[in-house]
Amino acid sequence: LEAEGLITKSDNYASFLRDIALEVANRAEIREQQRKEIKRLTQTLRNLRKHQKYLKDQIQQYNNYLQDCRLKHYQPKTKKKKKKNSDNPNRIGPFSFSYSALAKKGVIIDSDVPAISRKKTNFYISSE
């Protein structure tokens, strides 16, 4: 290296030692950056695997739901027979009224039923 003029004996090879020290210092910094990058990538991989598991669970739930819908759709429909309550001859009803019909007749003046649910709300009234 002396023949090439890269180092000299006159300065006790100080420039060579300085270059080696810089190399060692840079290697430590590069290794630290690599450790940080590995840690970040490991966390990202963990998050991706967690999200993948979540999506697989969602797909499984959706497939179960579809299977249930298919089974219910293709089952033979059975007619439900109403039982007459013979032990209570004074029983009247049940009568079904929609929310809007009762509101129109003035039976319902004010309620806590949300406006969005009123179309679907029915009242069944019977006496024993």
C-alpha atoms as a PDB file:
ATOM      1  CA  LEU A   1       0.000   0.000   0.000  1.00  0.00           C
ATOM      2  CA  GLU A   2       2.982   2.285   0.631  1.00  0.00           C
ATOM      3  CA  ALA A   3       4.207   1.707  -2.916  1.00  0.00           C
ATOM      4  CA  GLU A   4       0.835   2.839  -4.237  1.00  0.00           C
ATOM      5  CA  GLY A   5       0.900   5.943  -2.033  1.00  0.00           C
ATOM      6  CA  LEU A   6      -2.195   5.027  -0.028  1.00  0.00           C
ATOM      7  CA  ILE A   7      -0.450   4.933   3.354  1.00  0.00           C
ATOM      8  CA  THR A   8       2.770   6.374   4.758  1.00  0.00           C
ATOM      9  CA  LYS A   9       5.047   5.290   7.563  1.00  0.00           C
ATOM     10  CA  SER A  10       5.843   8.899   8.438  1.00  0.00           C
ATOM     11  CA  ASP A  11       2.454   9.516  10.123  1.00  0.00           C
ATOM     12  CA  ASN A  12       2.642   6.108  11.822  1.00  0.00           C
ATOM     13  CA  TYR A  13      -0.101   4.796   9.489  1.00  0.00           C
ATOM     14  CA  ALA A  14      -2.646   7.131  11.131  1.00  0.00           C
ATOM     15  CA  SER A  15      -4.600   7.668   7.914  1.00  0.00           C
ATOM     16  CA  PHE A  16      -4.890   3.890   7.497  1.00  0.00           C
ATOM     17  CA  LEU A  17      -6.121   3.491  11.083  1.00  0.00           C
ATOM     18  CA  ARG A  18      -8.570   6.364  10.597  1.00  0.00           C
ATOM     19  CA  ASP A  19      -9.978   4.695   7.449  1.00  0.00           C
ATOM     20  CA  ILE A  20     -10.367   1.388   9.301  1.00  0.00           C
ATOM     21  CA  ALA A  21     -12.126   3.147  12.213  1.00  0.00           C
ATOM     22  CA  LEU A  22     -14.551   4.846   9.814  1.00  0.00           C
ATOM     23  CA  GLU A  23     -15.252   1.496   8.172  1.00  0.00           C
ATOM     24  CA  VAL A  24     -15.965  -0.128  11.533  1.00  0.00           C
ATOM     25  CA  ALA A  25     -18.161   2.806  12.591  1.00  0.00           C
ATOM     26  CA  ASN A  26     -20.114   2.642   9.343  1.00  0.00           C
ATOM     27  CA  ARG A  27     -20.571  -1.116   9.646  1.00  0.00           C
ATOM     28  CA  ALA A  28     -22.096  -0.726  13.088  1.00  0.00           C
ATOM     29  CA  GLU A  29     -24.458   1.947  11.759  1.00  0.00           C
ATOM     30  CA  ILE A  30     -25.402  -0.199   8.758  1.00  0.00           C
ATOM     31  CA  ARG A  31     -26.023  -3.200  11.034  1.00  0.00           C
ATOM     32  CA  GLU A  32     -28.236  -1.057  13.251  1.00  0.00           C
ATOM     33  CA  GLN A  33     -30.210   0.120  10.227  1.00  0.00           C
ATOM     34  CA  GLN A  34     -30.543  -3.491   9.088  1.00  0.00           C
ATOM     35  CA  ARG A  35     -31.798  -4.535  12.548  1.00  0.00           C
ATOM     36  CA  LYS A  36     -34.391  -1.765  12.492  1.00  0.00           C
ATOM     37  CA  GLU A  37     -35.471  -2.767   8.983  1.00  0.00           C
ATOM     38  CA  ILE A  38     -35.738  -6.435   9.993  1.00  0.00           C
ATOM     39  CA  LYS A  39     -37.795  -5.473  13.054  1.00  0.00           C
ATOM     40  CA  ARG A  40     -40.125  -3.311  10.933  1.00  0.00           C
ATOM     41  CA  LEU A  41     -40.515  -6.026   8.293  1.00  0.00           C
ATOM     42  CA  THR A  42     -41.166  -8.660  10.959  1.00  0.00           C
ATOM     43  CA  GLN A  43     -43.916  -6.500  12.470  1.00  0.00           C
ATOM     44  CA  THR A  44     -45.394  -5.915   9.017  1.00  0.00           C
ATOM     45  CA  LEU A  45     -45.360  -9.645   8.295  1.00  0.00           C
ATOM     46  CA  ARG A  46     -47.044 -10.334  11.645  1.00  0.00           C
ATOM     47  CA  ASN A  47     -49.755  -7.768  10.867  1.00  0.00           C
ATOM     48  CA  LEU A  48     -50.283  -9.216   7.399  1.00  0.00           C
ATOM     49  CA  ARG A  49     -50.646 -12.726   8.807  1.00  0.00           C
ATOM     50  CA  LYS A  50     -53.106 -11.464  11.409  1.00  0.00           C
ATOM     51  CA  HIS A  51     -55.141  -9.736   8.699  1.00  0.00           C
ATOM     52  CA  GLN A  52     -54.957 -12.857   6.522  1.00  0.00           C
ATOM     53  CA  LYS A  53     -56.372 -14.932   9.407  1.00  0.00           C
ATOM     54  CA  TYR A  54     -59.151 -12.384   9.873  1.00  0.00           C
ATOM     55  CA  LEU A  55     -60.030 -12.522   6.175  1.00  0.00           C
ATOM     56  CA  LYS A  56     -60.022 -16.337   6.198  1.00  0.00           C
ATOM     57  CA  ASP A  57     -62.396 -16.281   9.175  1.00  0.00           C
ATOM     58  CA  GLN A  58     -64.658 -13.829   7.352  1.00  0.00           C
ATOM     59  CA  ILE A  59     -64.684 -16.041   4.261  1.00  0.00           C
ATOM     60  CA  GLN A  60     -65.502 -19.087   6.391  1.00  0.00           C
ATOM     61  CA  GLN A  61     -68.367 -17.259   8.108  1.00  0.00           C
ATOM     62  CA  TYR A  62     -69.687 -16.097   4.748  1.00  0.00           C
ATOM     63  CA  ASN A  63     -69.509 -19.629   3.345  1.00  0.00           C
ATOM     64  CA  ASN A  64     -71.357 -20.956   6.400  1.00  0.00           C
ATOM     65  CA  TYR A  65     -74.011 -18.281   5.933  1.00  0.00           C
ATOM     66  CA  LEU A  66     -74.408 -19.176   2.249  1.00  0.00           C
ATOM     67  CA  GLN A  67     -74.675 -22.872   3.100  1.00  0.00           C
ATOM     68  CA  ASP A  68     -77.388 -22.129   5.671  1.00  0.00           C
ATOM     69  CA  CYS A  69     -79.269 -20.011   3.137  1.00  0.00           C
ATOM     70  CA  ARG A  70     -79.087 -22.789   0.550  1.00  0.00           C
ATOM     71  CA  LEU A  71     -80.338 -25.364   3.036  1.00  0.00           C
ATOM     72  CA  LYS A  72     -83.239 -23.177   4.104  1.00  0.00           C
ATOM     73  CA  HIS A  73     -84.132 -22.328   0.527  1.00  0.00           C
ATOM     74  CA  TYR A  74     -84.264 -25.925  -0.681  1.00  0.00           C
ATOM     75  CA  GLN A  75     -86.009 -27.418   2.349  1.00  0.00           C
ATOM     76  CA  PRO A  76     -89.600 -28.439   1.691  1.00  0.00           C
ATOM     77  CA  LYS A  77     -91.946 -25.857   3.060  1.00  0.00           C
ATOM     78  CA  THR A  78     -94.225 -27.082   5.803  1.00  0.00           C
ATOM     79  CA  LYS A  79     -97.455 -25.383   6.662  1.00  0.00           C
ATOM     80  CA  LYS A  80     -97.744 -24.329  10.238  1.00  0.00           C
ATOM     81  CA  LYS A  81    -101.003 -25.256  11.839  1.00  0.00           C
ATOM     82  CA  LYS A  82    -102.427 -22.939  14.410  1.00  0.00           C
ATOM     83  CA  LYS A  83    -103.402 -24.552  17.643  1.00  0.00           C
ATOM     84  CA  LYS A  84    -106.763 -23.588  19.005  1.00  0.00           C
ATOM     85  CA  ASN A  85    -106.580 -23.014  22.683  1.00  0.00           C
ATOM     86  CA  SER A  86    -109.547 -25.085  23.747  1.00  0.00           C
ATOM     87  CA  ASP A  87    -108.973 -24.659  27.479  1.00  0.00           C
ATOM     88  CA  ASN A  88    -109.842 -20.922  27.310  1.00  0.00           C
ATOM     89  CA  PRO A  89    -112.975 -20.278  25.250  1.00  0.00           C
ATOM     90  CA  ASN A  90    -112.939 -16.533  26.124  1.00  0.00           C
ATOM     91  CA  ARG A  91    -109.684 -15.936  24.337  1.00  0.00           C
ATOM     92  CA  ILE A  92    -109.824 -13.271  21.624  1.00  0.00           C
ATOM     93  CA  GLY A  93    -107.152 -12.589  19.057  1.00  0.00           C
ATOM     94  CA  PRO A  94    -104.350 -12.231  18.301  1.00  0.00           C
ATOM     95  CA  PHE A  95    -104.866  -9.188  16.142  1.00  0.00           C
ATOM     96  CA  SER A  96    -102.018  -7.631  14.191  1.00  0.00           C
ATOM     97  CA  PHE A  97    -101.699  -3.879  13.672  1.00  0.00           C
ATOM     98  CA  SER A  98     -98.924  -1.984  11.949  1.00  0.00           C
ATOM     99  CA  TYR A  99     -97.375   1.064  13.557  1.00  0.00           C
ATOM    100  CA  SER A 100     -98.597   3.319  10.751  1.00  0.00           C
ATOM    101  CA  ALA A 101    -102.194   2.072  11.026  1.00  0.00           C
ATOM    102  CA  LEU A 102    -102.294   2.759  14.762  1.00  0.00           C
ATOM    103  CA  ALA A 103    -100.694   6.185  14.290  1.00  0.00           C
ATOM    104  CA  LYS A 104    -103.184   7.045  11.538  1.00  0.00           C
ATOM    105  CA  LYS A 105    -106.109   6.127  13.813  1.00  0.00           C
ATOM    106  CA  GLY A 106    -104.673   8.257  16.611  1.00  0.00           C
ATOM    107  CA  VAL A 107    -103.922   5.346  18.944  1.00  0.00           C
ATOM    108  CA  ILE A 108    -100.209   6.175  18.910  1.00  0.00           C
ATOM    109  CA  ILE A 109     -99.554   9.834  19.612  1.00  0.00           C
ATOM    110  CA  ASP A 110     -95.901   9.727  20.655  1.00  0.00           C
ATOM    111  CA  SER A 111     -93.363   6.894  20.856  1.00  0.00           C
ATOM    112  CA  ASP A 112     -89.661   6.166  21.210  1.00  0.00           C
ATOM    113  CA  VAL A 113     -89.633   3.893  18.145  1.00  0.00           C
ATOM    114  CA  PRO A 114     -87.081   5.277  15.654  1.00  0.00           C
ATOM    115  CA  ALA A 115     -88.590   6.589  12.434  1.00  0.00           C
ATOM    116  CA  ILE A 116     -86.540   4.171  10.379  1.00  0.00           C
ATOM    117  CA  SER A 117     -88.027   1.173  12.234  1.00  0.00           C
ATOM    118  CA  ARG A 118     -91.659   2.252  12.169  1.00  0.00           C
ATOM    119  CA  LYS A 119     -92.457   0.623   8.835  1.00  0.00           C
ATOM    120  CA  LYS A 120     -91.331  -2.736  10.173  1.00  0.00           C
ATOM    121  CA  THR A 121     -93.002  -2.460  13.580  1.00  0.00           C
ATOM    122  CA  ASN A 122     -96.164  -4.500  14.174  1.00  0.00           C
ATOM    123  CA  PHE A 123     -98.244  -4.884  17.310  1.00  0.00           C
ATOM    124  CA  TYR A 124     -99.985  -8.136  18.201  1.00  0.00           C
ATOM    125  CA  ILE A 125    -102.878  -7.807  20.612  1.00  0.00           C
ATOM    126  CA  SER A 126    -104.785 -10.664  22.205  1.00  0.00           C
ATOM    127  CA  SER A 127    -106.727 -11.354  25.370  1.00  0.00           C
ATOM    128  CA  GLU A 128    -106.763 -14.399  27.590  1.00  0.00           C
END
